[in-house]
N, C-alpha and C. Protein backbone atom coordinates (compact mmCIF):
# COMPACT_ATOMS: atom_id res chain seq x y z
N MET A 1 119.57 -16.11 53.48
CA MET A 1 120.49 -17.21 53.17
C MET A 1 121.17 -17.69 54.46
N LYS A 2 121.20 -18.98 54.64
CA LYS A 2 121.83 -19.56 55.82
C LYS A 2 123.35 -19.50 55.66
N ILE A 3 124.05 -18.96 56.66
CA ILE A 3 125.50 -18.81 56.56
C ILE A 3 126.24 -19.62 57.63
N GLY A 4 125.51 -20.32 58.49
CA GLY A 4 126.15 -21.10 59.53
C GLY A 4 125.12 -21.67 60.48
N LYS A 5 125.61 -22.18 61.59
CA LYS A 5 124.69 -22.80 62.55
C LYS A 5 125.23 -22.66 63.97
N LEU A 6 124.32 -22.70 64.93
CA LEU A 6 124.69 -22.69 66.34
C LEU A 6 124.93 -24.13 66.79
N LEU A 7 126.11 -24.38 67.33
CA LEU A 7 126.45 -25.73 67.77
C LEU A 7 126.69 -25.77 69.27
N GLN A 8 126.10 -26.76 69.92
CA GLN A 8 126.27 -26.92 71.36
C GLN A 8 127.72 -27.27 71.67
N GLN A 9 128.30 -26.59 72.66
CA GLN A 9 129.67 -26.84 73.07
C GLN A 9 129.72 -27.62 74.38
N PRO A 10 130.81 -28.36 74.63
CA PRO A 10 130.91 -29.16 75.86
C PRO A 10 130.68 -28.36 77.14
N ALA A 11 131.04 -27.07 77.12
CA ALA A 11 130.90 -26.25 78.33
C ALA A 11 129.46 -25.81 78.57
N GLY A 12 128.55 -26.14 77.63
CA GLY A 12 127.14 -25.86 77.86
C GLY A 12 126.55 -24.71 77.07
N TYR A 13 127.36 -23.92 76.42
CA TYR A 13 126.86 -22.81 75.61
C TYR A 13 126.86 -23.20 74.14
N LYS A 14 126.23 -22.36 73.31
CA LYS A 14 126.21 -22.59 71.87
C LYS A 14 127.08 -21.55 71.18
N ALA A 15 127.89 -21.97 70.22
CA ALA A 15 128.74 -21.07 69.45
C ALA A 15 128.33 -21.12 67.99
N PHE A 16 128.48 -19.98 67.32
CA PHE A 16 128.11 -19.93 65.91
C PHE A 16 129.28 -20.41 65.06
N VAL A 17 129.02 -21.40 64.22
CA VAL A 17 130.05 -21.96 63.34
C VAL A 17 129.66 -21.66 61.90
N PRO A 18 130.42 -20.81 61.21
CA PRO A 18 130.08 -20.46 59.82
C PRO A 18 130.18 -21.65 58.88
N ASP A 19 129.34 -21.66 57.87
CA ASP A 19 129.46 -22.64 56.80
C ASP A 19 130.64 -22.24 55.92
N LYS A 20 130.89 -23.02 54.89
CA LYS A 20 131.97 -22.69 53.95
C LYS A 20 131.75 -21.29 53.41
N PHE A 21 132.84 -20.53 53.33
CA PHE A 21 132.77 -19.14 52.88
C PHE A 21 133.73 -18.92 51.73
N PRO A 22 133.22 -18.28 50.65
CA PRO A 22 131.81 -17.92 50.44
C PRO A 22 130.98 -19.14 50.10
N PRO A 23 129.65 -19.03 50.19
CA PRO A 23 128.79 -20.17 49.85
C PRO A 23 129.02 -20.62 48.41
N GLU A 24 128.86 -21.90 48.16
CA GLU A 24 129.01 -22.41 46.79
C GLU A 24 128.00 -21.76 45.86
N GLN A 25 126.81 -21.50 46.40
CA GLN A 25 125.79 -20.80 45.63
C GLN A 25 126.03 -19.30 45.77
N PRO A 26 126.27 -18.58 44.68
CA PRO A 26 126.53 -17.13 44.78
C PRO A 26 125.44 -16.39 45.55
N ILE A 27 125.84 -15.41 46.34
CA ILE A 27 124.90 -14.62 47.12
C ILE A 27 124.14 -13.68 46.19
N ALA A 28 122.83 -13.80 46.21
CA ALA A 28 121.99 -12.96 45.35
C ALA A 28 121.79 -11.60 45.99
N LEU A 29 121.98 -10.55 45.23
CA LEU A 29 121.80 -9.19 45.72
C LEU A 29 120.41 -8.70 45.35
N ASN A 30 119.62 -8.35 46.36
CA ASN A 30 118.27 -7.87 46.06
C ASN A 30 118.33 -6.45 45.49
N THR A 31 117.18 -5.97 45.08
CA THR A 31 117.11 -4.66 44.42
C THR A 31 117.61 -3.53 45.31
N LYS A 32 117.26 -3.58 46.59
CA LYS A 32 117.68 -2.52 47.51
C LYS A 32 119.20 -2.49 47.65
N THR A 33 119.80 -3.67 47.77
CA THR A 33 121.25 -3.75 47.90
C THR A 33 121.94 -3.22 46.65
N GLN A 34 121.40 -3.54 45.50
CA GLN A 34 121.98 -3.05 44.25
C GLN A 34 121.88 -1.52 44.15
N GLN A 35 120.76 -0.98 44.64
CA GLN A 35 120.59 0.48 44.62
C GLN A 35 121.59 1.15 45.57
N LEU A 36 121.76 0.56 46.76
CA LEU A 36 122.70 1.11 47.73
C LEU A 36 124.13 1.02 47.21
N HIS A 37 124.43 -0.06 46.52
CA HIS A 37 125.76 -0.23 45.94
C HIS A 37 126.02 0.85 44.88
N ALA A 38 125.04 1.09 44.03
CA ALA A 38 125.19 2.11 42.99
C ALA A 38 125.40 3.49 43.61
N ARG A 39 124.68 3.77 44.68
CA ARG A 39 124.82 5.07 45.35
C ARG A 39 126.20 5.19 45.99
N ALA A 40 126.68 4.11 46.60
CA ALA A 40 127.99 4.13 47.25
C ALA A 40 129.11 4.36 46.22
N VAL A 41 129.00 3.72 45.06
CA VAL A 41 129.99 3.91 44.01
C VAL A 41 130.00 5.36 43.54
N LEU A 42 128.80 5.95 43.41
CA LEU A 42 128.69 7.35 42.99
C LEU A 42 129.34 8.27 44.01
N VAL A 43 129.07 8.05 45.29
CA VAL A 43 129.62 8.91 46.34
C VAL A 43 131.14 8.77 46.41
N LEU A 44 131.64 7.56 46.25
CA LEU A 44 133.09 7.36 46.25
C LEU A 44 133.74 8.09 45.08
N GLY A 45 133.04 8.09 43.94
CA GLY A 45 133.55 8.82 42.78
C GLY A 45 133.63 10.30 43.06
N LYS A 46 132.61 10.85 43.72
CA LYS A 46 132.63 12.27 44.08
C LYS A 46 133.77 12.57 45.05
N LEU A 47 133.96 11.68 46.03
CA LEU A 47 135.03 11.87 47.00
C LEU A 47 136.39 11.86 46.31
N ASP A 48 136.56 10.96 45.38
CA ASP A 48 137.82 10.90 44.63
C ASP A 48 138.05 12.19 43.85
N GLY A 49 136.98 12.75 43.30
CA GLY A 49 137.10 14.01 42.57
C GLY A 49 137.47 15.16 43.49
N ILE A 50 136.87 15.18 44.68
CA ILE A 50 137.14 16.25 45.64
C ILE A 50 138.60 16.24 46.07
N THR A 51 139.17 15.04 46.22
CA THR A 51 140.56 14.96 46.68
C THR A 51 141.53 15.63 45.71
N GLN A 52 141.11 15.75 44.45
CA GLN A 52 141.98 16.40 43.48
C GLN A 52 142.07 17.91 43.72
N LEU A 53 141.12 18.44 44.51
CA LEU A 53 141.07 19.88 44.75
C LEU A 53 141.67 20.28 46.10
N LEU A 54 141.98 19.28 46.93
CA LEU A 54 142.47 19.58 48.26
C LEU A 54 143.92 20.08 48.22
N PRO A 55 144.23 21.11 49.00
CA PRO A 55 145.61 21.63 49.01
C PRO A 55 146.59 20.68 49.69
N ASP A 56 146.07 19.86 50.63
CA ASP A 56 146.95 18.93 51.36
C ASP A 56 146.19 17.62 51.59
N LEU A 57 146.34 16.68 50.67
CA LEU A 57 145.62 15.41 50.75
C LEU A 57 146.06 14.59 51.96
N ASP A 58 147.35 14.61 52.28
CA ASP A 58 147.85 13.83 53.41
C ASP A 58 147.21 14.28 54.72
N PHE A 59 147.04 15.60 54.87
CA PHE A 59 146.41 16.11 56.08
C PHE A 59 144.94 15.68 56.16
N PHE A 60 144.26 15.70 55.02
CA PHE A 60 142.86 15.26 54.97
C PHE A 60 142.75 13.80 55.41
N ILE A 61 143.63 12.96 54.89
CA ILE A 61 143.61 11.54 55.24
C ILE A 61 143.90 11.34 56.72
N LEU A 62 144.87 12.09 57.24
CA LEU A 62 145.21 11.99 58.66
C LEU A 62 144.02 12.33 59.54
N MET A 63 143.31 13.43 59.22
CA MET A 63 142.18 13.84 60.03
C MET A 63 141.01 12.84 59.90
N TYR A 64 140.87 12.28 58.71
CA TYR A 64 139.81 11.28 58.53
C TYR A 64 140.12 10.05 59.37
N ILE A 65 141.38 9.61 59.37
CA ILE A 65 141.77 8.45 60.18
C ILE A 65 141.55 8.74 61.66
N THR A 66 141.88 9.96 62.07
CA THR A 66 141.70 10.34 63.47
C THR A 66 140.22 10.29 63.86
N LYS A 67 139.37 10.85 63.00
CA LYS A 67 137.94 10.82 63.28
C LYS A 67 137.42 9.39 63.31
N GLU A 68 137.82 8.59 62.33
CA GLU A 68 137.37 7.20 62.26
C GLU A 68 137.87 6.41 63.47
N ALA A 69 139.09 6.68 63.90
CA ALA A 69 139.66 6.00 65.06
C ALA A 69 138.83 6.29 66.31
N THR A 70 138.45 7.56 66.45
CA THR A 70 137.67 7.96 67.62
C THR A 70 136.29 7.31 67.61
N ARG A 71 135.62 7.36 66.47
CA ARG A 71 134.27 6.81 66.37
C ARG A 71 134.27 5.29 66.53
N SER A 72 135.22 4.64 65.87
CA SER A 72 135.27 3.18 65.92
C SER A 72 135.63 2.68 67.31
N SER A 73 136.50 3.41 68.00
CA SER A 73 136.93 2.98 69.33
C SER A 73 135.80 3.08 70.36
N GLU A 74 134.77 3.83 70.02
CA GLU A 74 133.61 3.91 70.91
C GLU A 74 132.95 2.55 71.08
N ILE A 75 133.13 1.67 70.09
CA ILE A 75 132.58 0.33 70.17
C ILE A 75 133.15 -0.41 71.37
N GLU A 76 134.42 -0.12 71.68
CA GLU A 76 135.11 -0.77 72.80
C GLU A 76 134.91 0.00 74.11
N GLY A 77 134.08 1.04 74.09
CA GLY A 77 133.79 1.78 75.31
C GLY A 77 134.68 2.99 75.54
N THR A 78 135.47 3.36 74.55
CA THR A 78 136.36 4.51 74.70
C THR A 78 135.57 5.81 74.79
N ARG A 79 135.96 6.69 75.72
CA ARG A 79 135.25 7.95 75.91
C ARG A 79 136.02 9.16 75.41
N ALA A 80 137.28 8.99 75.08
CA ALA A 80 138.09 10.11 74.59
C ALA A 80 137.50 10.65 73.29
N THR A 81 137.66 11.95 73.06
CA THR A 81 137.10 12.60 71.88
C THR A 81 138.21 12.91 70.88
N ILE A 82 137.80 13.31 69.68
CA ILE A 82 138.78 13.66 68.65
C ILE A 82 139.60 14.87 69.09
N VAL A 83 139.00 15.78 69.87
CA VAL A 83 139.73 16.94 70.38
C VAL A 83 140.83 16.49 71.33
N ASP A 84 140.53 15.49 72.18
CA ASP A 84 141.55 14.95 73.09
C ASP A 84 142.73 14.38 72.30
N VAL A 85 142.42 13.68 71.21
CA VAL A 85 143.47 13.07 70.39
C VAL A 85 144.35 14.13 69.76
N ILE A 86 143.73 15.17 69.19
CA ILE A 86 144.49 16.25 68.54
C ILE A 86 145.38 16.97 69.55
N LYS A 87 144.83 17.26 70.74
CA LYS A 87 145.62 17.94 71.77
C LYS A 87 146.78 17.07 72.23
N SER A 88 146.53 15.78 72.35
CA SER A 88 147.59 14.87 72.78
C SER A 88 148.72 14.82 71.77
N GLU A 89 148.37 14.73 70.49
CA GLU A 89 149.40 14.66 69.45
C GLU A 89 150.15 15.98 69.30
N ALA A 90 149.46 17.08 69.63
CA ALA A 90 150.09 18.40 69.52
C ALA A 90 150.91 18.74 70.77
N GLY A 91 150.81 17.90 71.80
CA GLY A 91 151.57 18.15 73.02
C GLY A 91 151.00 19.26 73.87
N ILE A 92 149.72 19.57 73.69
CA ILE A 92 149.08 20.62 74.46
C ILE A 92 148.74 20.10 75.86
N GLU A 93 149.05 20.89 76.89
CA GLU A 93 148.74 20.48 78.26
C GLU A 93 147.24 20.33 78.41
N HIS A 94 146.85 19.16 78.81
CA HIS A 94 145.42 18.87 78.91
C HIS A 94 145.25 17.60 79.72
N ARG A 95 144.24 17.58 80.56
CA ARG A 95 143.96 16.36 81.33
C ARG A 95 143.32 15.35 80.39
N MET A 96 144.12 14.40 79.92
CA MET A 96 143.67 13.45 78.92
C MET A 96 142.93 12.27 79.55
N PRO A 97 141.84 11.85 78.93
CA PRO A 97 141.21 10.60 79.37
C PRO A 97 142.21 9.46 79.23
N GLN A 98 142.18 8.50 80.14
CA GLN A 98 143.15 7.41 80.10
C GLN A 98 143.06 6.61 78.80
N ASP A 99 141.86 6.57 78.20
CA ASP A 99 141.70 5.73 77.03
C ASP A 99 142.07 6.43 75.72
N VAL A 100 142.62 7.66 75.79
CA VAL A 100 143.05 8.32 74.56
C VAL A 100 144.19 7.54 73.91
N ASP A 101 144.95 6.81 74.73
CA ASP A 101 146.06 6.01 74.21
C ASP A 101 145.55 4.93 73.26
N ARG A 102 144.37 4.41 73.51
CA ARG A 102 143.80 3.38 72.63
C ARG A 102 143.57 3.95 71.23
N ILE A 103 143.07 5.18 71.15
CA ILE A 103 142.82 5.81 69.85
C ILE A 103 144.13 6.11 69.15
N LEU A 104 145.13 6.56 69.90
CA LEU A 104 146.43 6.86 69.30
C LEU A 104 147.05 5.59 68.70
N HIS A 105 146.85 4.45 69.36
CA HIS A 105 147.37 3.19 68.83
C HIS A 105 146.58 2.76 67.58
N TYR A 106 145.30 3.08 67.57
CA TYR A 106 144.50 2.79 66.37
C TYR A 106 145.07 3.56 65.18
N ILE A 107 145.34 4.83 65.38
CA ILE A 107 145.89 5.66 64.31
C ILE A 107 147.26 5.12 63.87
N LYS A 108 148.07 4.74 64.85
CA LYS A 108 149.39 4.19 64.55
C LYS A 108 149.26 2.91 63.72
N ALA A 109 148.29 2.06 64.09
CA ALA A 109 148.08 0.81 63.37
C ALA A 109 147.59 1.06 61.95
N MET A 110 146.69 2.04 61.78
CA MET A 110 146.20 2.37 60.45
C MET A 110 147.32 2.88 59.56
N GLU A 111 148.14 3.77 60.10
CA GLU A 111 149.25 4.32 59.32
C GLU A 111 150.25 3.22 58.97
N TYR A 112 150.49 2.33 59.92
CA TYR A 112 151.40 1.21 59.66
C TYR A 112 150.84 0.33 58.53
N GLY A 113 149.52 0.04 58.61
CA GLY A 113 148.90 -0.81 57.60
C GLY A 113 148.96 -0.22 56.21
N LEU A 114 148.70 1.07 56.09
CA LEU A 114 148.75 1.73 54.79
C LEU A 114 150.15 1.65 54.19
N LYS A 115 151.16 1.83 55.04
CA LYS A 115 152.54 1.74 54.57
C LYS A 115 152.93 0.31 54.26
N ARG A 116 152.48 -0.62 55.09
CA ARG A 116 152.87 -2.03 54.93
C ARG A 116 152.29 -2.64 53.65
N LEU A 117 151.17 -2.12 53.19
CA LEU A 117 150.57 -2.64 51.96
C LEU A 117 151.47 -2.46 50.75
N GLU A 118 152.44 -1.59 50.87
CA GLU A 118 153.37 -1.39 49.77
C GLU A 118 154.31 -2.58 49.59
N SER A 119 154.46 -3.40 50.65
CA SER A 119 155.40 -4.52 50.58
C SER A 119 154.77 -5.87 50.95
N LEU A 120 153.58 -5.84 51.54
CA LEU A 120 152.92 -7.09 51.96
C LEU A 120 151.46 -7.06 51.54
N PRO A 121 150.99 -8.07 50.79
CA PRO A 121 149.59 -8.08 50.37
C PRO A 121 148.64 -8.32 51.54
N LEU A 122 147.39 -7.95 51.35
CA LEU A 122 146.36 -8.20 52.35
C LEU A 122 146.28 -9.69 52.61
N SER A 123 146.48 -10.10 53.86
CA SER A 123 146.58 -11.51 54.20
C SER A 123 146.41 -11.69 55.71
N LEU A 124 146.41 -12.93 56.17
CA LEU A 124 146.33 -13.20 57.60
C LEU A 124 147.57 -12.66 58.32
N ARG A 125 148.72 -12.78 57.69
CA ARG A 125 149.94 -12.24 58.28
C ARG A 125 149.83 -10.73 58.42
N PHE A 126 149.30 -10.07 57.40
CA PHE A 126 149.11 -8.62 57.42
C PHE A 126 148.20 -8.22 58.58
N ILE A 127 147.11 -8.96 58.77
CA ILE A 127 146.16 -8.67 59.84
C ILE A 127 146.80 -8.85 61.20
N ARG A 128 147.61 -9.90 61.36
CA ARG A 128 148.27 -10.15 62.65
C ARG A 128 149.25 -9.02 62.97
N GLU A 129 149.95 -8.54 61.96
CA GLU A 129 150.92 -7.45 62.18
C GLU A 129 150.21 -6.18 62.66
N ILE A 130 149.08 -5.87 62.04
CA ILE A 130 148.34 -4.67 62.45
C ILE A 130 147.83 -4.83 63.88
N HIS A 131 147.34 -6.01 64.20
CA HIS A 131 146.83 -6.27 65.56
C HIS A 131 147.95 -6.07 66.59
N LYS A 132 149.15 -6.50 66.24
CA LYS A 132 150.27 -6.33 67.17
C LYS A 132 150.56 -4.85 67.41
N VAL A 133 150.57 -4.06 66.35
CA VAL A 133 150.80 -2.62 66.49
C VAL A 133 149.67 -1.97 67.28
N LEU A 134 148.45 -2.44 67.06
CA LEU A 134 147.27 -1.88 67.71
C LEU A 134 147.31 -2.06 69.23
N LEU A 135 147.75 -3.25 69.69
CA LEU A 135 147.65 -3.58 71.11
C LEU A 135 148.95 -3.47 71.89
N GLU A 136 150.08 -3.60 71.21
CA GLU A 136 151.36 -3.66 71.93
C GLU A 136 151.57 -2.43 72.79
N GLU A 137 151.99 -2.66 74.03
CA GLU A 137 152.29 -1.60 74.99
C GLU A 137 151.06 -0.76 75.34
N THR A 138 149.90 -1.40 75.37
CA THR A 138 148.68 -0.72 75.80
C THR A 138 148.12 -1.44 77.03
N ALA A 139 147.14 -0.81 77.66
CA ALA A 139 146.51 -1.42 78.83
C ALA A 139 145.72 -2.67 78.45
N ASP A 140 145.37 -2.80 77.16
CA ASP A 140 144.61 -3.96 76.70
C ASP A 140 145.48 -5.17 76.41
N ALA A 141 146.80 -4.98 76.34
CA ALA A 141 147.71 -6.02 75.87
C ALA A 141 147.87 -7.23 76.81
N PRO A 142 147.98 -7.02 78.14
CA PRO A 142 148.24 -8.16 79.02
C PRO A 142 147.24 -9.31 78.84
N GLY A 143 147.76 -10.49 78.57
CA GLY A 143 146.92 -11.67 78.42
C GLY A 143 146.21 -11.78 77.10
N LYS A 144 146.46 -10.84 76.16
CA LYS A 144 145.72 -10.83 74.90
C LYS A 144 146.58 -11.24 73.70
N THR A 145 147.83 -11.59 73.91
CA THR A 145 148.74 -12.05 72.85
C THR A 145 148.65 -11.21 71.57
N PRO A 146 149.09 -9.95 71.62
CA PRO A 146 149.05 -9.09 70.43
C PRO A 146 149.72 -9.75 69.22
N GLY A 147 149.03 -9.72 68.09
CA GLY A 147 149.58 -10.27 66.87
C GLY A 147 149.34 -11.75 66.68
N GLU A 148 148.60 -12.37 67.59
CA GLU A 148 148.32 -13.80 67.48
C GLU A 148 146.82 -14.05 67.50
N PHE A 149 146.37 -14.99 66.69
CA PHE A 149 144.96 -15.36 66.70
C PHE A 149 144.62 -16.06 68.01
N ARG A 150 143.40 -15.91 68.42
CA ARG A 150 142.98 -16.44 69.72
C ARG A 150 143.05 -17.97 69.77
N THR A 151 143.28 -18.48 70.97
CA THR A 151 143.28 -19.93 71.21
C THR A 151 142.25 -20.31 72.26
N SER A 152 141.41 -19.36 72.63
CA SER A 152 140.36 -19.62 73.61
C SER A 152 139.05 -19.01 73.11
N GLN A 153 137.96 -19.38 73.74
CA GLN A 153 136.66 -18.89 73.31
C GLN A 153 136.46 -17.44 73.74
N ASN A 154 135.97 -16.61 72.86
CA ASN A 154 135.58 -15.25 73.21
C ASN A 154 134.09 -15.10 72.99
N TRP A 155 133.56 -13.95 73.35
CA TRP A 155 132.12 -13.72 73.17
C TRP A 155 131.85 -12.23 73.17
N ILE A 156 130.67 -11.86 72.74
CA ILE A 156 130.28 -10.45 72.65
C ILE A 156 129.04 -10.22 73.50
N GLY A 157 129.14 -9.32 74.45
CA GLY A 157 128.02 -9.02 75.34
C GLY A 157 127.84 -10.10 76.40
N GLY A 158 127.38 -9.71 77.59
CA GLY A 158 127.17 -10.69 78.64
C GLY A 158 128.43 -10.98 79.42
N GLY A 159 128.27 -11.67 80.53
CA GLY A 159 129.41 -11.95 81.40
C GLY A 159 130.10 -13.26 81.10
N SER A 160 129.53 -14.07 80.22
CA SER A 160 130.11 -15.36 79.87
C SER A 160 129.50 -15.83 78.55
N PRO A 161 130.06 -16.87 77.93
CA PRO A 161 129.47 -17.38 76.69
C PRO A 161 128.02 -17.81 76.86
N ALA A 162 127.66 -18.25 78.05
CA ALA A 162 126.30 -18.72 78.29
C ALA A 162 125.27 -17.59 78.25
N THR A 163 125.72 -16.36 78.55
CA THR A 163 124.79 -15.22 78.58
C THR A 163 125.09 -14.20 77.49
N ALA A 164 126.02 -14.53 76.60
CA ALA A 164 126.46 -13.59 75.57
C ALA A 164 125.41 -13.37 74.49
N ARG A 165 125.48 -12.20 73.84
CA ARG A 165 124.62 -11.92 72.69
C ARG A 165 125.07 -12.70 71.47
N PHE A 166 126.39 -12.92 71.38
CA PHE A 166 126.92 -13.67 70.25
C PHE A 166 128.21 -14.37 70.66
N VAL A 167 128.33 -15.63 70.28
CA VAL A 167 129.54 -16.41 70.56
C VAL A 167 130.15 -16.84 69.24
N PRO A 168 131.34 -16.31 68.89
CA PRO A 168 132.00 -16.67 67.63
C PRO A 168 132.42 -18.14 67.62
N PRO A 169 132.94 -18.62 66.49
CA PRO A 169 133.34 -20.01 66.40
C PRO A 169 134.38 -20.39 67.45
N PRO A 170 134.31 -21.60 67.97
CA PRO A 170 135.31 -22.06 68.95
C PRO A 170 136.68 -22.18 68.30
N PRO A 171 137.75 -22.17 69.10
CA PRO A 171 139.12 -22.20 68.56
C PRO A 171 139.38 -23.33 67.57
N ALA A 172 138.79 -24.48 67.78
CA ALA A 172 139.03 -25.62 66.90
C ALA A 172 138.55 -25.36 65.48
N GLU A 173 137.59 -24.44 65.32
CA GLU A 173 137.04 -24.13 63.99
C GLU A 173 137.79 -23.00 63.30
N LEU A 174 138.64 -22.29 64.04
CA LEU A 174 139.31 -21.12 63.48
C LEU A 174 140.19 -21.42 62.25
N PRO A 175 141.01 -22.47 62.26
CA PRO A 175 141.86 -22.71 61.07
C PRO A 175 141.06 -22.79 59.78
N ARG A 176 139.96 -23.51 59.78
CA ARG A 176 139.14 -23.61 58.56
C ARG A 176 138.54 -22.27 58.20
N CYS A 177 137.99 -21.57 59.19
CA CYS A 177 137.36 -20.27 58.94
C CYS A 177 138.37 -19.26 58.41
N LEU A 178 139.56 -19.26 58.99
CA LEU A 178 140.60 -18.31 58.56
C LEU A 178 141.09 -18.64 57.16
N ASP A 179 141.20 -19.92 56.86
CA ASP A 179 141.63 -20.32 55.52
C ASP A 179 140.61 -19.88 54.47
N ASP A 180 139.32 -20.09 54.76
CA ASP A 180 138.27 -19.64 53.85
C ASP A 180 138.32 -18.13 53.66
N PHE A 181 138.52 -17.42 54.76
CA PHE A 181 138.53 -15.95 54.72
C PHE A 181 139.67 -15.44 53.84
N GLU A 182 140.87 -15.96 54.04
CA GLU A 182 142.01 -15.48 53.28
C GLU A 182 141.87 -15.82 51.80
N LYS A 183 141.38 -17.01 51.49
CA LYS A 183 141.20 -17.40 50.09
C LYS A 183 140.16 -16.52 49.41
N PHE A 184 139.13 -16.11 50.17
CA PHE A 184 138.08 -15.25 49.60
C PHE A 184 138.66 -13.91 49.15
N LEU A 185 139.64 -13.40 49.89
CA LEU A 185 140.23 -12.10 49.56
C LEU A 185 140.79 -12.08 48.15
N TYR A 186 141.25 -13.24 47.67
CA TYR A 186 141.88 -13.31 46.36
C TYR A 186 141.12 -14.19 45.38
N ALA A 187 139.93 -14.61 45.78
CA ALA A 187 139.14 -15.47 44.90
C ALA A 187 138.66 -14.69 43.69
N ASP A 188 138.63 -15.36 42.57
CA ASP A 188 138.13 -14.76 41.33
C ASP A 188 136.63 -15.00 41.27
N ASN A 189 135.87 -14.03 41.71
CA ASN A 189 134.41 -14.18 41.72
C ASN A 189 133.75 -12.97 41.06
N LEU A 190 132.43 -12.99 41.04
CA LEU A 190 131.69 -11.96 40.31
C LEU A 190 131.26 -10.78 41.18
N TYR A 191 131.67 -10.77 42.46
CA TYR A 191 131.22 -9.69 43.34
C TYR A 191 131.97 -8.40 43.04
N PRO A 192 131.26 -7.27 42.93
CA PRO A 192 131.94 -5.98 42.76
C PRO A 192 132.81 -5.69 43.98
N PRO A 193 133.84 -4.87 43.86
CA PRO A 193 134.77 -4.62 44.97
C PRO A 193 134.10 -4.20 46.28
N LEU A 194 133.12 -3.29 46.22
CA LEU A 194 132.49 -2.84 47.45
C LEU A 194 131.67 -3.95 48.11
N ILE A 195 131.00 -4.76 47.30
CA ILE A 195 130.23 -5.88 47.84
C ILE A 195 131.17 -6.91 48.45
N LYS A 196 132.27 -7.17 47.76
CA LYS A 196 133.25 -8.12 48.28
C LYS A 196 133.83 -7.63 49.60
N ALA A 197 134.12 -6.34 49.69
CA ALA A 197 134.65 -5.77 50.92
C ALA A 197 133.64 -5.90 52.06
N ALA A 198 132.37 -5.69 51.75
CA ALA A 198 131.32 -5.80 52.76
C ALA A 198 131.19 -7.24 53.27
N LEU A 199 131.26 -8.20 52.35
CA LEU A 199 131.17 -9.61 52.73
C LEU A 199 132.37 -10.01 53.59
N ALA A 200 133.56 -9.54 53.19
CA ALA A 200 134.77 -9.85 53.97
C ALA A 200 134.68 -9.24 55.36
N HIS A 201 134.16 -8.02 55.43
CA HIS A 201 134.00 -7.32 56.71
C HIS A 201 133.06 -8.11 57.62
N ALA A 202 131.93 -8.53 57.08
CA ALA A 202 130.96 -9.28 57.87
C ALA A 202 131.54 -10.60 58.37
N GLN A 203 132.29 -11.29 57.49
CA GLN A 203 132.89 -12.56 57.89
C GLN A 203 133.98 -12.35 58.93
N PHE A 204 134.73 -11.26 58.80
CA PHE A 204 135.76 -10.91 59.77
C PHE A 204 135.15 -10.75 61.16
N GLU A 205 134.04 -10.01 61.22
CA GLU A 205 133.37 -9.80 62.50
C GLU A 205 132.79 -11.11 63.05
N THR A 206 132.28 -11.94 62.17
CA THR A 206 131.67 -13.20 62.59
C THR A 206 132.71 -14.14 63.20
N ILE A 207 133.86 -14.23 62.57
CA ILE A 207 134.92 -15.11 63.08
C ILE A 207 135.52 -14.55 64.36
N HIS A 208 135.68 -13.25 64.42
CA HIS A 208 136.27 -12.57 65.58
C HIS A 208 137.61 -13.21 65.93
N HIS A 209 138.58 -13.02 65.03
CA HIS A 209 139.87 -13.72 65.08
C HIS A 209 140.62 -13.61 66.40
N PHE A 210 140.51 -12.42 67.03
CA PHE A 210 141.35 -12.13 68.20
C PHE A 210 140.54 -12.08 69.48
N SER A 211 141.28 -12.15 70.60
CA SER A 211 140.60 -12.07 71.90
C SER A 211 139.99 -10.70 72.11
N THR A 212 140.70 -9.68 71.63
CA THR A 212 140.19 -8.30 71.74
C THR A 212 140.99 -7.43 70.79
N GLY A 213 140.48 -6.21 70.56
CA GLY A 213 141.29 -5.20 69.90
C GLY A 213 141.18 -5.10 68.40
N MET A 214 140.39 -5.95 67.74
CA MET A 214 140.36 -5.84 66.27
C MET A 214 139.02 -5.38 65.76
N VAL A 215 138.05 -5.19 66.63
CA VAL A 215 136.76 -4.68 66.17
C VAL A 215 136.95 -3.35 65.48
N GLU A 216 137.83 -2.48 66.07
CA GLU A 216 138.02 -1.14 65.52
C GLU A 216 138.57 -1.18 64.10
N LEU A 217 139.42 -2.19 63.80
CA LEU A 217 140.06 -2.22 62.49
C LEU A 217 139.32 -3.08 61.49
N ALA A 218 138.18 -3.57 61.83
CA ALA A 218 137.48 -4.46 60.94
C ALA A 218 137.10 -3.80 59.65
N GLY A 219 136.89 -2.47 59.69
CA GLY A 219 136.54 -1.79 58.46
C GLY A 219 137.72 -1.30 57.68
N TYR A 220 138.90 -1.67 58.11
CA TYR A 220 140.10 -1.16 57.46
C TYR A 220 140.15 -1.56 56.00
């Protein structure tokens, strides 16, 4: 299914501009996708059952977030390990990789988001708040406007948009893309929750709302 198009930009590169999201024609799920969805629902049910047996659910969630933070931050080139993170939080003397702070901010942002959901629904404002917590007072913050959507072109891979593996929509297209994205979160459609989450995740990555720092939280 076609979801957008590459459009030539004045600077000479092509950027991907998504079509209306979601498509007016419902996305058809093939047999393999339906089978994977059924398996995912089953596994989530088992996980939910296991949590009823855990002596300390909060500790389990904390360690899961820590592991996920470490693995996801690898996308941004982070080399710190989960052991480095645990030692840092425990105050154990250890020569810490400089990028362990990035993982600690990821954990802080995740914890903030889980708490904030109690008073603020999932929305563009919610996403901006998490981004601010994620980047504020980090080495990645200078010039990246934590908590604000980008106003310049970004790209993935390569030294410039002309050589990039992927160029997200230009800034002028962001308002429409963001509006579609937020409306989809609350749209009354026929997609099961996991499928809807996957579609939202894919669209989030495609738009690439921020200059940097939100790839790690895209699966939040």
